[in-house]
Amino acid sequence: MRVLLIYCHPDPQSFAAAIRDTAMGVLTHAGHDVRLVDLYAIGFDPVMSRAERR
């Protein structure tokens, strides 16, 4: 199965990061094709401007 794991947390040493790593490991070990998207690492801005809304 292909799995897309979306992660968003500013602290790479957080509990959320530990959960991410565990999920990645368990899914990979089970034979799944896992891809990670780290929203902070790619500079994702969740705020839509007025111009983008049009």
Protein backbone atom coordinates (compact mmCIF):
# COMPACT_ATOMS: atom_id res chain seq x y z
CA MET A 1 0.00 0.00 0.00
CA ARG A 2 1.20 3.52 -0.70
CA VAL A 3 1.01 5.83 2.32
CA LEU A 4 1.44 9.60 2.39
CA LEU A 5 2.36 10.82 5.88
CA ILE A 6 1.87 14.56 6.33
CA TYR A 7 3.80 16.02 9.24
CA CYS A 8 3.68 19.56 10.61
CA HIS A 9 5.59 20.56 13.75
CA PRO A 10 8.27 23.23 14.22
CA ASP A 11 10.43 21.25 16.68
CA PRO A 12 12.30 18.30 15.13
CA GLN A 13 12.88 16.84 18.62
CA SER A 14 9.19 16.91 19.64
CA PHE A 15 6.95 14.07 20.73
CA ALA A 16 5.15 14.50 17.40
CA ALA A 17 8.46 13.81 15.63
CA ALA A 18 8.85 10.62 17.65
CA ILE A 19 5.36 9.53 16.59
CA ARG A 20 6.23 10.37 12.96
CA ASP A 21 9.40 8.28 13.14
CA THR A 22 7.57 5.36 14.76
CA ALA A 23 4.79 5.45 12.16
CA MET A 24 7.34 5.60 9.33
CA GLY A 25 9.25 2.65 10.77
CA VAL A 26 6.21 0.46 11.42
CA LEU A 27 4.67 1.13 8.02
CA THR A 28 7.95 0.59 6.17
CA HIS A 29 8.64 -2.61 8.11
CA ALA A 30 5.17 -3.86 7.14
CA GLY A 31 6.11 -3.43 3.48
CA HIS A 32 4.28 -0.22 2.69
CA ASP A 33 5.64 2.45 0.34
CA VAL A 34 5.75 5.45 2.69
CA ARG A 35 6.31 9.04 1.61
CA LEU A 36 6.71 11.89 4.06
CA VAL A 37 5.71 15.51 3.49
CA ASP A 38 7.14 17.76 6.21
CA LEU A 39 5.23 21.02 5.90
CA TYR A 40 7.71 23.03 7.99
CA ALA A 41 10.66 21.73 6.00
CA ILE A 42 9.14 22.88 2.71
CA GLY A 43 8.12 26.28 4.11
CA PHE A 44 4.38 25.73 3.77
CA ASP A 45 2.35 28.83 4.67
CA PRO A 46 -1.19 27.88 5.74
CA VAL A 47 -2.48 31.46 5.48
CA MET A 48 -4.24 32.22 2.21
CA SER A 49 -3.95 35.81 1.04
CA ARG A 50 -6.89 37.74 -0.38
CA ALA A 51 -5.30 37.59 -3.83
CA GLU A 52 -5.02 33.80 -3.64
CA ARG A 53 -8.70 33.50 -2.75
CA ARG A 54 -9.74 35.08 -6.07
